[in-house]
């Protein structure tokens, strides 16, 4: 029996090459090795205000992009979080066993709460909902980036606390996650991870950017004061460009170093841009075909929900019985 893998992505902003190289490419790669569930986490997205019509459109667009990247609906369940009511139901029950102090210590909560005048309770409870996403499907493997490691550890702590209080109910998700891909930084600020929430025009390369836009963004990327690539003294911007090239080309460290050492930055950027364009164009072509087929994405999402709902219902039933809540059976 295959171990179950679960991962999710918010339907906000536009998926970019950092998302692709850091996570989505690996989702497609590992999906046949596991019982795979991939979730569009729209309940997480509404911890900050979203325009309703834009959010609905983004959900379907993201689903189409995941299919274009290679998520196979014949093998993997692609689902929308809010379509499975047990996500929110389990989150409430887990909230009741989670100390507030655990949540207030979360790094992302502290950082985001300092930048907002009014803090919604959803921001504080975000990690509990993430724990519910994982524990609902008894996922053994949860490929996340470094910025989500603390949330995964909290999910383990919540599961352990629940199991201690009410008996063995939840699978403990793994902490060692070798399936996470390259960490891609912003083109405009290579000290910060490339993010969908950043609005700067030169920050990220979207997976839907046309070739001309991709070339323009990469040619404007931050480098350093050296005239050419020097592996001994290069700054974070040059290192990021080389990481992007290597991730898309598949070249070894040795070949990459030999090829680019001493190359002037203009030539480096041109080669990086062409590598990105060559990799993204086939994805864009598949995306356009998928989105042009009426009802296809909606049917994939409906099929995914139908597949995972029995798992979700079973877990919530076990939790209710363990806690002494009323169940019909």
C-alpha atoms as a PDB file:
ATOM      1  CA  UNK A   1       0.000   0.000   0.000  1.00  0.00           C
ATOM      2  CA  UNK A   2       1.424   3.391  -0.982  1.00  0.00           C
ATOM      3  CA  UNK A   3       2.040   6.053   1.638  1.00  0.00           C
ATOM      4  CA  UNK A   4      -0.217   9.090   1.295  1.00  0.00           C
ATOM      5  CA  UNK A   5       1.313  12.436   0.298  1.00  0.00           C
ATOM      6  CA  UNK A   6      -0.514  15.735   0.698  1.00  0.00           C
ATOM      7  CA  UNK A   7       0.448  19.250  -0.330  1.00  0.00           C
ATOM      8  CA  UNK A   8      -1.385  22.473  -1.007  1.00  0.00           C
ATOM      9  CA  UNK A   9      -1.112  25.867  -2.648  1.00  0.00           C
ATOM     10  CA  UNK A  10      -3.153  29.049  -2.237  1.00  0.00           C
ATOM     11  CA  UNK A  11      -5.118  30.391  -5.228  1.00  0.00           C
ATOM     12  CA  UNK A  12      -3.784  33.935  -4.804  1.00  0.00           C
ATOM     13  CA  UNK A  13      -1.470  35.894  -7.054  1.00  0.00           C
ATOM     14  CA  UNK A  14      -0.029  34.143 -10.079  1.00  0.00           C
ATOM     15  CA  UNK A  15       2.004  30.892  -9.864  1.00  0.00           C
ATOM     16  CA  UNK A  16       5.618  31.676 -10.711  1.00  0.00           C
ATOM     17  CA  UNK A  17       8.844  29.842 -11.438  1.00  0.00           C
ATOM     18  CA  UNK A  18       9.680  29.775  -7.723  1.00  0.00           C
ATOM     19  CA  UNK A  19       6.481  27.810  -7.045  1.00  0.00           C
ATOM     20  CA  UNK A  20       7.212  25.543  -9.987  1.00  0.00           C
ATOM     21  CA  UNK A  21      10.849  24.770  -9.163  1.00  0.00           C
ATOM     22  CA  UNK A  22      10.322  24.725  -5.404  1.00  0.00           C
ATOM     23  CA  UNK A  23       7.233  22.526  -5.255  1.00  0.00           C
ATOM     24  CA  UNK A  24       4.950  21.988  -8.245  1.00  0.00           C
ATOM     25  CA  UNK A  25       7.501  20.276 -10.479  1.00  0.00           C
ATOM     26  CA  UNK A  26       8.156  17.803  -7.671  1.00  0.00           C
ATOM     27  CA  UNK A  27       4.444  17.220  -7.139  1.00  0.00           C
ATOM     28  CA  UNK A  28       4.203  15.939 -10.684  1.00  0.00           C
ATOM     29  CA  UNK A  29       7.403  13.924 -10.310  1.00  0.00           C
ATOM     30  CA  UNK A  30       6.518  12.067  -7.098  1.00  0.00           C
ATOM     31  CA  UNK A  31       2.778  11.586  -7.667  1.00  0.00           C
ATOM     32  CA  UNK A  32       3.096   8.036  -8.980  1.00  0.00           C
ATOM     33  CA  UNK A  33       5.160   6.914  -5.987  1.00  0.00           C
ATOM     34  CA  UNK A  34       2.441   7.803  -3.481  1.00  0.00           C
ATOM     35  CA  UNK A  35      -1.283   7.978  -2.899  1.00  0.00           C
ATOM     36  CA  UNK A  36      -1.286  11.650  -3.876  1.00  0.00           C
ATOM     37  CA  UNK A  37      -3.677  14.420  -2.842  1.00  0.00           C
ATOM     38  CA  UNK A  38      -3.029  17.987  -4.000  1.00  0.00           C
ATOM     39  CA  UNK A  39      -5.180  20.722  -2.544  1.00  0.00           C
ATOM     40  CA  UNK A  40      -6.024  24.266  -3.638  1.00  0.00           C
ATOM     41  CA  UNK A  41      -6.298  25.829  -0.187  1.00  0.00           C
ATOM     42  CA  UNK A  42      -8.841  28.602  -0.690  1.00  0.00           C
ATOM     43  CA  UNK A  43      -9.856  28.677   2.996  1.00  0.00           C
ATOM     44  CA  UNK A  44      -6.295  29.717   3.809  1.00  0.00           C
ATOM     45  CA  UNK A  45      -6.483  32.434   1.177  1.00  0.00           C
ATOM     46  CA  UNK A  46      -9.364  34.237   2.901  1.00  0.00           C
ATOM     47  CA  UNK A  47      -7.352  34.948   6.054  1.00  0.00           C
ATOM     48  CA  UNK A  48      -6.871  38.233   4.174  1.00  0.00           C
ATOM     49  CA  UNK A  49      -9.600  39.858   2.077  1.00  0.00           C
ATOM     50  CA  UNK A  50     -10.031  38.504  -1.454  1.00  0.00           C
ATOM     51  CA  UNK A  51     -12.341  39.898  -4.109  1.00  0.00           C
ATOM     52  CA  UNK A  52     -14.890  37.056  -4.481  1.00  0.00           C
ATOM     53  CA  UNK A  53     -15.049  37.037  -8.282  1.00  0.00           C
ATOM     54  CA  UNK A  54     -11.251  37.106  -8.537  1.00  0.00           C
ATOM     55  CA  UNK A  55     -10.833  34.294  -6.013  1.00  0.00           C
ATOM     56  CA  UNK A  56     -13.284  32.051  -7.868  1.00  0.00           C
ATOM     57  CA  UNK A  57     -11.464  32.678 -11.143  1.00  0.00           C
ATOM     58  CA  UNK A  58      -8.054  32.099  -9.558  1.00  0.00           C
ATOM     59  CA  UNK A  59      -9.137  28.724  -8.158  1.00  0.00           C
ATOM     60  CA  UNK A  60     -10.028  27.383 -11.594  1.00  0.00           C
ATOM     61  CA  UNK A  61      -6.967  28.974 -13.227  1.00  0.00           C
ATOM     62  CA  UNK A  62      -4.670  27.394 -10.638  1.00  0.00           C
ATOM     63  CA  UNK A  63      -6.298  24.000 -11.144  1.00  0.00           C
ATOM     64  CA  UNK A  64      -5.705  24.336 -14.887  1.00  0.00           C
ATOM     65  CA  UNK A  65      -2.068  25.245 -14.296  1.00  0.00           C
ATOM     66  CA  UNK A  66      -1.513  22.271 -11.987  1.00  0.00           C
ATOM     67  CA  UNK A  67      -2.887  19.991 -14.693  1.00  0.00           C
ATOM     68  CA  UNK A  68      -0.667  21.675 -17.290  1.00  0.00           C
ATOM     69  CA  UNK A  69       2.386  21.173 -15.094  1.00  0.00           C
ATOM     70  CA  UNK A  70       1.672  17.452 -15.050  1.00  0.00           C
ATOM     71  CA  UNK A  71      -0.645  16.555 -12.183  1.00  0.00           C
ATOM     72  CA  UNK A  72      -2.432  13.481 -13.528  1.00  0.00           C
ATOM     73  CA  UNK A  73      -6.087  13.329 -12.413  1.00  0.00           C
ATOM     74  CA  UNK A  74      -6.191   9.634 -13.267  1.00  0.00           C
ATOM     75  CA  UNK A  75      -3.593   9.063 -10.550  1.00  0.00           C
ATOM     76  CA  UNK A  76      -3.778  12.022  -8.155  1.00  0.00           C
ATOM     77  CA  UNK A  77      -6.734  13.678  -6.462  1.00  0.00           C
ATOM     78  CA  UNK A  78      -6.813  17.404  -7.210  1.00  0.00           C
ATOM     79  CA  UNK A  79      -9.249  19.081  -4.816  1.00  0.00           C
ATOM     80  CA  UNK A  80     -10.429  22.469  -3.613  1.00  0.00           C
ATOM     81  CA  UNK A  81     -10.249  22.771   0.171  1.00  0.00           C
ATOM     82  CA  UNK A  82     -13.616  24.484   0.656  1.00  0.00           C
ATOM     83  CA  UNK A  83     -15.376  21.783  -1.374  1.00  0.00           C
ATOM     84  CA  UNK A  84     -14.574  19.305   1.417  1.00  0.00           C
ATOM     85  CA  UNK A  85     -16.425  20.631   4.515  1.00  0.00           C
ATOM     86  CA  UNK A  86     -14.518  18.269   6.798  1.00  0.00           C
ATOM     87  CA  UNK A  87     -11.435  20.528   6.523  1.00  0.00           C
ATOM     88  CA  UNK A  88     -13.182  23.281   8.476  1.00  0.00           C
ATOM     89  CA  UNK A  89     -15.001  20.822  10.753  1.00  0.00           C
ATOM     90  CA  UNK A  90     -11.781  19.096  11.821  1.00  0.00           C
ATOM     91  CA  UNK A  91     -10.020  22.448  12.205  1.00  0.00           C
ATOM     92  CA  UNK A  92     -12.558  23.489  14.860  1.00  0.00           C
ATOM     93  CA  UNK A  93     -12.097  20.266  16.821  1.00  0.00           C
ATOM     94  CA  UNK A  94      -8.319  20.633  16.665  1.00  0.00           C
ATOM     95  CA  UNK A  95      -8.593  24.283  17.740  1.00  0.00           C
ATOM     96  CA  UNK A  96     -10.160  23.023  20.955  1.00  0.00           C
ATOM     97  CA  UNK A  97      -7.042  21.012  21.868  1.00  0.00           C
ATOM     98  CA  UNK A  98      -4.443  23.567  20.695  1.00  0.00           C
ATOM     99  CA  UNK A  99      -3.003  25.973  23.318  1.00  0.00           C
ATOM    100  CA  UNK A 100      -3.134  29.617  22.213  1.00  0.00           C
ATOM    101  CA  UNK A 101       0.504  29.998  23.246  1.00  0.00           C
ATOM    102  CA  UNK A 102       1.543  27.536  20.533  1.00  0.00           C
ATOM    103  CA  UNK A 103      -0.124  29.705  17.908  1.00  0.00           C
ATOM    104  CA  UNK A 104       1.182  33.024  19.195  1.00  0.00           C
ATOM    105  CA  UNK A 105       4.743  31.722  18.902  1.00  0.00           C
ATOM    106  CA  UNK A 106       4.425  30.982  15.195  1.00  0.00           C
ATOM    107  CA  UNK A 107       6.928  33.045  13.214  1.00  0.00           C
ATOM    108  CA  UNK A 108       4.588  33.864  10.324  1.00  0.00           C
ATOM    109  CA  UNK A 109       1.827  34.988  12.688  1.00  0.00           C
ATOM    110  CA  UNK A 110       4.164  37.334  14.543  1.00  0.00           C
ATOM    111  CA  UNK A 111       5.541  38.787  11.300  1.00  0.00           C
ATOM    112  CA  UNK A 112       2.158  39.308   9.631  1.00  0.00           C
ATOM    113  CA  UNK A 113       0.387  40.599  12.732  1.00  0.00           C
ATOM    114  CA  UNK A 114       2.994  43.329  13.125  1.00  0.00           C
ATOM    115  CA  UNK A 115       2.267  44.635   9.634  1.00  0.00           C
ATOM    116  CA  UNK A 116      -1.526  44.786  10.015  1.00  0.00           C
ATOM    117  CA  UNK A 117      -3.642  47.262  11.985  1.00  0.00           C
ATOM    118  CA  UNK A 118      -6.469  44.761  12.442  1.00  0.00           C
ATOM    119  CA  UNK A 119      -5.740  41.070  12.896  1.00  0.00           C
ATOM    120  CA  UNK A 120      -8.417  38.532  11.978  1.00  0.00           C
ATOM    121  CA  UNK A 121      -8.698  35.409  14.107  1.00  0.00           C
ATOM    122  CA  UNK A 122      -8.126  33.407  10.925  1.00  0.00           C
ATOM    123  CA  UNK A 123      -4.511  34.566  10.878  1.00  0.00           C
ATOM    124  CA  UNK A 124      -3.961  33.099  14.339  1.00  0.00           C
ATOM    125  CA  UNK A 125      -5.837  29.886  13.504  1.00  0.00           C
ATOM    126  CA  UNK A 126      -4.175  29.434  10.090  1.00  0.00           C
ATOM    127  CA  UNK A 127      -1.719  26.764  11.373  1.00  0.00           C
ATOM    128  CA  UNK A 128      -4.555  24.762  12.939  1.00  0.00           C
ATOM    129  CA  UNK A 129      -6.367  24.683   9.608  1.00  0.00           C
ATOM    130  CA  UNK A 130      -3.118  23.566   7.971  1.00  0.00           C
ATOM    131  CA  UNK A 131      -2.839  20.799  10.574  1.00  0.00           C
ATOM    132  CA  UNK A 132      -6.411  19.789   9.770  1.00  0.00           C
ATOM    133  CA  UNK A 133      -5.568  19.627   6.048  1.00  0.00           C
ATOM    134  CA  UNK A 134      -2.756  17.193   6.796  1.00  0.00           C
ATOM    135  CA  UNK A 135      -4.399  15.104   9.506  1.00  0.00           C
ATOM    136  CA  UNK A 136      -7.760  14.854   7.729  1.00  0.00           C
ATOM    137  CA  UNK A 137      -6.229  12.555   5.128  1.00  0.00           C
ATOM    138  CA  UNK A 138      -3.837  10.793   7.525  1.00  0.00           C
ATOM    139  CA  UNK A 139      -0.976  11.985   5.316  1.00  0.00           C
ATOM    140  CA  UNK A 140       2.388  10.375   6.032  1.00  0.00           C
ATOM    141  CA  UNK A 141       4.397  12.723   3.805  1.00  0.00           C
ATOM    142  CA  UNK A 142       3.919  16.479   3.424  1.00  0.00           C
ATOM    143  CA  UNK A 143       6.445  18.139   1.080  1.00  0.00           C
ATOM    144  CA  UNK A 144       6.794  21.749   2.260  1.00  0.00           C
ATOM    145  CA  UNK A 145       9.395  24.474   1.971  1.00  0.00           C
ATOM    146  CA  UNK A 146      11.559  25.797   4.781  1.00  0.00           C
ATOM    147  CA  UNK A 147       9.066  28.572   5.501  1.00  0.00           C
ATOM    148  CA  UNK A 148       6.390  25.989   6.371  1.00  0.00           C
ATOM    149  CA  UNK A 149       8.522  23.670   8.521  1.00  0.00           C
ATOM    150  CA  UNK A 150       7.327  25.284  11.757  1.00  0.00           C
ATOM    151  CA  UNK A 151       3.696  24.762  10.710  1.00  0.00           C
ATOM    152  CA  UNK A 152       4.379  21.099   9.977  1.00  0.00           C
ATOM    153  CA  UNK A 153       5.995  20.677  13.387  1.00  0.00           C
ATOM    154  CA  UNK A 154       2.891  22.228  14.945  1.00  0.00           C
ATOM    155  CA  UNK A 155       0.702  19.739  13.068  1.00  0.00           C
ATOM    156  CA  UNK A 156       2.754  16.949  14.641  1.00  0.00           C
ATOM    157  CA  UNK A 157       2.416  18.538  18.076  1.00  0.00           C
ATOM    158  CA  UNK A 158      -1.369  18.855  17.677  1.00  0.00           C
ATOM    159  CA  UNK A 159      -1.661  15.251  16.491  1.00  0.00           C
ATOM    160  CA  UNK A 160       0.450  14.049  19.405  1.00  0.00           C
ATOM    161  CA  UNK A 161      -1.604  16.056  21.907  1.00  0.00           C
ATOM    162  CA  UNK A 162      -4.892  14.751  20.484  1.00  0.00           C
ATOM    163  CA  UNK A 163      -3.646  11.164  20.464  1.00  0.00           C
ATOM    164  CA  UNK A 164      -2.492  11.549  24.080  1.00  0.00           C
ATOM    165  CA  UNK A 165      -5.851  12.975  25.204  1.00  0.00           C
ATOM    166  CA  UNK A 166      -8.211  10.775  23.211  1.00  0.00           C
ATOM    167  CA  UNK A 167      -6.285   7.734  22.018  1.00  0.00           C
ATOM    168  CA  UNK A 168      -4.409   6.937  18.815  1.00  0.00           C
ATOM    169  CA  UNK A 169      -6.354   8.658  16.039  1.00  0.00           C
ATOM    170  CA  UNK A 170      -3.954  10.460  13.715  1.00  0.00           C
ATOM    171  CA  UNK A 171      -0.997   9.393  11.587  1.00  0.00           C
ATOM    172  CA  UNK A 172       2.110  11.414  12.473  1.00  0.00           C
ATOM    173  CA  UNK A 173       3.321  13.218   9.316  1.00  0.00           C
ATOM    174  CA  UNK A 174       7.014  12.851   8.473  1.00  0.00           C
ATOM    175  CA  UNK A 175       9.425  15.643   9.374  1.00  0.00           C
ATOM    176  CA  UNK A 176      12.206  14.775   6.937  1.00  0.00           C
ATOM    177  CA  UNK A 177      11.051  15.867   3.502  1.00  0.00           C
ATOM    178  CA  UNK A 178      13.555  15.229   0.704  1.00  0.00           C
ATOM    179  CA  UNK A 179      11.041  16.087  -2.023  1.00  0.00           C
ATOM    180  CA  UNK A 180      11.328  19.872  -1.692  1.00  0.00           C
ATOM    181  CA  UNK A 181      12.937  21.469  -4.755  1.00  0.00           C
ATOM    182  CA  UNK A 182      15.058  24.533  -5.458  1.00  0.00           C
ATOM    183  CA  UNK A 183      14.645  27.702  -3.375  1.00  0.00           C
ATOM    184  CA  UNK A 184      14.258  30.552  -5.858  1.00  0.00           C
ATOM    185  CA  UNK A 185      14.671  34.145  -4.734  1.00  0.00           C
ATOM    186  CA  UNK A 186      13.122  37.362  -6.046  1.00  0.00           C
ATOM    187  CA  UNK A 187      14.683  38.816  -9.193  1.00  0.00           C
ATOM    188  CA  UNK A 188      14.477  42.314  -7.700  1.00  0.00           C
ATOM    189  CA  UNK A 189      15.599  41.331  -4.193  1.00  0.00           C
ATOM    190  CA  UNK A 190      17.598  38.092  -4.111  1.00  0.00           C
ATOM    191  CA  UNK A 191      17.659  38.151  -0.311  1.00  0.00           C
ATOM    192  CA  UNK A 192      13.917  37.348  -0.230  1.00  0.00           C
ATOM    193  CA  UNK A 193      12.194  34.215  -1.483  1.00  0.00           C
ATOM    194  CA  UNK A 194      10.179  34.694  -4.681  1.00  0.00           C
ATOM    195  CA  UNK A 195       6.604  35.238  -3.539  1.00  0.00           C
ATOM    196  CA  UNK A 196       3.138  35.411  -5.107  1.00  0.00           C
ATOM    197  CA  UNK A 197       2.196  38.158  -2.663  1.00  0.00           C
ATOM    198  CA  UNK A 198       4.875  40.563  -3.930  1.00  0.00           C
ATOM    199  CA  UNK A 199       3.444  43.015  -6.431  1.00  0.00           C
ATOM    200  CA  UNK A 200       6.632  44.464  -7.932  1.00  0.00           C
ATOM    201  CA  UNK A 201       6.702  44.127 -11.726  1.00  0.00           C
ATOM    202  CA  UNK A 202      10.235  42.738 -11.731  1.00  0.00           C
ATOM    203  CA  UNK A 203       9.956  40.442  -8.727  1.00  0.00           C
ATOM    204  CA  UNK A 204       8.852  37.137 -10.263  1.00  0.00           C
ATOM    205  CA  UNK A 205       8.451  35.331 -13.560  1.00  0.00           C
ATOM    206  CA  UNK A 206       4.871  34.109 -13.795  1.00  0.00           C
ATOM    207  CA  UNK A 207       4.199  30.760 -15.438  1.00  0.00           C
ATOM    208  CA  UNK A 208       1.830  32.640 -17.744  1.00  0.00           C
ATOM    209  CA  UNK A 209       4.242  35.434 -18.715  1.00  0.00           C
ATOM    210  CA  UNK A 210       4.817  35.665 -22.488  1.00  0.00           C
ATOM    211  CA  UNK A 211       8.412  35.115 -23.691  1.00  0.00           C
ATOM    212  CA  UNK A 212       9.060  38.842 -24.163  1.00  0.00           C
ATOM    213  CA  UNK A 213       8.040  39.571 -20.574  1.00  0.00           C
ATOM    214  CA  UNK A 214      10.205  36.723 -19.256  1.00  0.00           C
ATOM    215  CA  UNK A 215      13.259  38.022 -21.111  1.00  0.00           C
ATOM    216  CA  UNK A 216      12.624  41.589 -19.951  1.00  0.00           C
ATOM    217  CA  UNK A 217      12.302  40.602 -16.280  1.00  0.00           C
ATOM    218  CA  UNK A 218      15.417  38.440 -16.286  1.00  0.00           C
ATOM    219  CA  UNK A 219      17.501  41.033 -18.133  1.00  0.00           C
ATOM    220  CA  UNK A 220      16.598  43.496 -15.357  1.00  0.00           C
ATOM    221  CA  UNK A 221      17.384  41.085 -12.518  1.00  0.00           C
ATOM    222  CA  UNK A 222      19.643  42.277  -9.712  1.00  0.00           C
ATOM    223  CA  UNK A 223      23.254  41.071  -9.926  1.00  0.00           C
ATOM    224  CA  UNK A 224      26.278  42.608  -8.153  1.00  0.00           C
ATOM    225  CA  UNK A 225      29.182  44.971  -8.794  1.00  0.00           C
ATOM    226  CA  UNK A 226      31.354  42.411 -10.592  1.00  0.00           C
ATOM    227  CA  UNK A 227      31.481  42.615 -14.410  1.00  0.00           C
ATOM    228  CA  UNK A 228      31.274  38.846 -14.887  1.00  0.00           C
ATOM    229  CA  UNK A 229      30.521  35.599 -13.062  1.00  0.00           C
ATOM    230  CA  UNK A 230      33.043  34.912 -10.305  1.00  0.00           C
ATOM    231  CA  UNK A 231      32.149  31.923  -8.155  1.00  0.00           C
ATOM    232  CA  UNK A 232      34.394  33.115  -5.336  1.00  0.00           C
ATOM    233  CA  UNK A 233      32.883  36.598  -4.912  1.00  0.00           C
ATOM    234  CA  UNK A 234      29.457  36.537  -6.601  1.00  0.00           C
ATOM    235  CA  UNK A 235      26.467  38.048  -4.824  1.00  0.00           C
ATOM    236  CA  UNK A 236      23.054  36.570  -4.108  1.00  0.00           C
ATOM    237  CA  UNK A 237      21.533  37.855  -7.363  1.00  0.00           C
ATOM    238  CA  UNK A 238      24.035  36.072  -9.595  1.00  0.00           C
ATOM    239  CA  UNK A 239      23.775  32.946  -7.472  1.00  0.00           C
ATOM    240  CA  UNK A 240      19.984  33.034  -7.916  1.00  0.00           C
ATOM    241  CA  UNK A 241      20.233  33.356 -11.707  1.00  0.00           C
ATOM    242  CA  UNK A 242      22.603  30.389 -11.841  1.00  0.00           C
ATOM    243  CA  UNK A 243      20.238  28.376  -9.627  1.00  0.00           C
ATOM    244  CA  UNK A 244      17.340  29.160 -11.978  1.00  0.00           C
ATOM    245  CA  UNK A 245      19.356  28.108 -15.025  1.00  0.00           C
ATOM    246  CA  UNK A 246      20.539  24.909 -13.403  1.00  0.00           C
ATOM    247  CA  UNK A 247      17.060  23.969 -12.154  1.00  0.00           C
ATOM    248  CA  UNK A 248      15.545  24.389 -15.616  1.00  0.00           C
ATOM    249  CA  UNK A 249      18.440  22.911 -17.597  1.00  0.00           C
ATOM    250  CA  UNK A 250      19.302  20.005 -15.316  1.00  0.00           C
ATOM    251  CA  UNK A 251      23.018  20.745 -15.689  1.00  0.00           C
ATOM    252  CA  UNK A 252      25.403  19.475 -13.009  1.00  0.00           C
ATOM    253  CA  UNK A 253      27.226  21.855 -10.648  1.00  0.00           C
ATOM    254  CA  UNK A 254      30.483  21.089 -12.456  1.00  0.00           C
ATOM    255  CA  UNK A 255      29.136  21.809 -15.949  1.00  0.00           C
ATOM    256  CA  UNK A 256      27.345  24.950 -14.823  1.00  0.00           C
ATOM    257  CA  UNK A 257      30.445  26.339 -13.146  1.00  0.00           C
ATOM    258  CA  UNK A 258      32.701  25.556 -16.096  1.00  0.00           C
ATOM    259  CA  UNK A 259      30.277  27.121 -18.572  1.00  0.00           C
ATOM    260  CA  UNK A 260      29.477  30.355 -16.748  1.00  0.00           C
ATOM    261  CA  UNK A 261      32.730  31.249 -14.978  1.00  0.00           C
ATOM    262  CA  UNK A 262      33.947  34.536 -16.455  1.00  0.00           C
ATOM    263  CA  UNK A 263      30.773  35.121 -18.496  1.00  0.00           C
ATOM    264  CA  UNK A 264      29.518  38.706 -18.542  1.00  0.00           C
ATOM    265  CA  UNK A 265      26.174  39.278 -16.870  1.00  0.00           C
ATOM    266  CA  UNK A 266      24.329  40.282 -20.035  1.00  0.00           C
ATOM    267  CA  UNK A 267      25.198  36.944 -21.647  1.00  0.00           C
ATOM    268  CA  UNK A 268      24.383  35.060 -18.446  1.00  0.00           C
ATOM    269  CA  UNK A 269      20.927  36.637 -18.303  1.00  0.00           C
ATOM    270  CA  UNK A 270      20.232  35.850 -21.957  1.00  0.00           C
ATOM    271  CA  UNK A 271      21.017  32.181 -21.426  1.00  0.00           C
ATOM    272  CA  UNK A 272      18.935  32.039 -18.241  1.00  0.00           C
ATOM    273  CA  UNK A 273      16.009  33.688 -20.028  1.00  0.00           C
ATOM    274  CA  UNK A 274      16.142  31.226 -22.937  1.00  0.00           C
ATOM    275  CA  UNK A 275      16.254  28.258 -20.548  1.00  0.00           C
ATOM    276  CA  UNK A 276      13.175  29.578 -18.741  1.00  0.00           C
ATOM    277  CA  UNK A 277      11.255  30.308 -21.957  1.00  0.00           C
ATOM    278  CA  UNK A 278      12.038  26.863 -23.375  1.00  0.00           C
ATOM    279  CA  UNK A 279      10.731  25.153 -20.231  1.00  0.00           C
ATOM    280  CA  UNK A 280       7.632  27.290 -19.729  1.00  0.00           C
ATOM    281  CA  UNK A 281       6.269  27.467 -23.293  1.00  0.00           C
ATOM    282  CA  UNK A 282       5.100  23.804 -23.374  1.00  0.00           C
ATOM    283  CA  UNK A 283       3.358  24.306 -20.012  1.00  0.00           C
ATOM    284  CA  UNK A 284       1.587  27.378 -21.350  1.00  0.00           C
ATOM    285  CA  UNK A 285       0.464  25.507 -24.458  1.00  0.00           C
ATOM    286  CA  UNK A 286      -1.023  22.705 -22.342  1.00  0.00           C
ATOM    287  CA  UNK A 287      -2.674  25.259 -20.069  1.00  0.00           C
ATOM    288  CA  UNK A 288      -4.380  27.013 -22.984  1.00  0.00           C
ATOM    289  CA  UNK A 289      -5.738  23.693 -24.286  1.00  0.00           C
ATOM    290  CA  UNK A 290      -7.014  22.691 -20.838  1.00  0.00           C
ATOM    291  CA  UNK A 291      -8.759  26.010 -20.202  1.00  0.00           C
ATOM    292  CA  UNK A 292     -10.324  25.977 -23.688  1.00  0.00           C
ATOM    293  CA  UNK A 293     -12.164  22.713 -22.948  1.00  0.00           C
ATOM    294  CA  UNK A 294     -15.530  23.653 -21.350  1.00  0.00           C
ATOM    295  CA  UNK A 295     -16.192  21.996 -18.007  1.00  0.00           C
ATOM    296  CA  UNK A 296     -12.977  19.949 -17.959  1.00  0.00           C
ATOM    297  CA  UNK A 297     -11.370  21.583 -14.916  1.00  0.00           C
ATOM    298  CA  UNK A 298     -14.645  21.578 -12.979  1.00  0.00           C
ATOM    299  CA  UNK A 299     -15.054  17.854 -13.652  1.00  0.00           C
ATOM    300  CA  UNK A 300     -11.496  17.091 -12.518  1.00  0.00           C
ATOM    301  CA  UNK A 301     -12.131  18.955  -9.261  1.00  0.00           C
ATOM    302  CA  UNK A 302     -15.472  17.194  -8.765  1.00  0.00           C
ATOM    303  CA  UNK A 303     -13.822  13.806  -9.327  1.00  0.00           C
ATOM    304  CA  UNK A 304     -11.071  14.674  -6.873  1.00  0.00           C
ATOM    305  CA  UNK A 305     -13.595  15.665  -4.213  1.00  0.00           C
ATOM    306  CA  UNK A 306     -15.539  12.438  -4.770  1.00  0.00           C
ATOM    307  CA  UNK A 307     -12.363  10.420  -4.308  1.00  0.00           C
ATOM    308  CA  UNK A 308     -11.171  12.036  -1.059  1.00  0.00           C
ATOM    309  CA  UNK A 309     -14.499  12.681   0.687  1.00  0.00           C
ATOM    310  CA  UNK A 310     -14.797   9.116   2.096  1.00  0.00           C
ATOM    311  CA  UNK A 311     -11.314   9.500   3.652  1.00  0.00           C
ATOM    312  CA  UNK A 312     -12.285  12.850   5.158  1.00  0.00           C
ATOM    313  CA  UNK A 313     -15.583  11.534   6.471  1.00  0.00           C
ATOM    314  CA  UNK A 314     -13.887   8.526   8.047  1.00  0.00           C
ATOM    315  CA  UNK A 315     -11.330  10.688   9.871  1.00  0.00           C
ATOM    316  CA  UNK A 316     -13.925  13.158  11.169  1.00  0.00           C
ATOM    317  CA  UNK A 317     -16.093  10.257  12.331  1.00  0.00           C
ATOM    318  CA  UNK A 318     -13.175   8.786  14.289  1.00  0.00           C
ATOM    319  CA  UNK A 319     -12.389  12.180  15.843  1.00  0.00           C
ATOM    320  CA  UNK A 320     -16.014  12.764  16.874  1.00  0.00           C
ATOM    321  CA  UNK A 321     -16.297   9.337  18.457  1.00  0.00           C
ATOM    322  CA  UNK A 322     -12.958   9.788  20.232  1.00  0.00           C
ATOM    323  CA  UNK A 323     -14.065  13.158  21.662  1.00  0.00           C
ATOM    324  CA  UNK A 324     -17.536  11.906  22.646  1.00  0.00           C
ATOM    325  CA  UNK A 325     -19.392  14.059  20.128  1.00  0.00           C
ATOM    326  CA  UNK A 326     -22.721  12.898  18.757  1.00  0.00           C
ATOM    327  CA  UNK A 327     -22.659  10.803  15.608  1.00  0.00           C
ATOM    328  CA  UNK A 328     -25.620   9.172  13.879  1.00  0.00           C
ATOM    329  CA  UNK A 329     -23.899   5.795  13.739  1.00  0.00           C
END
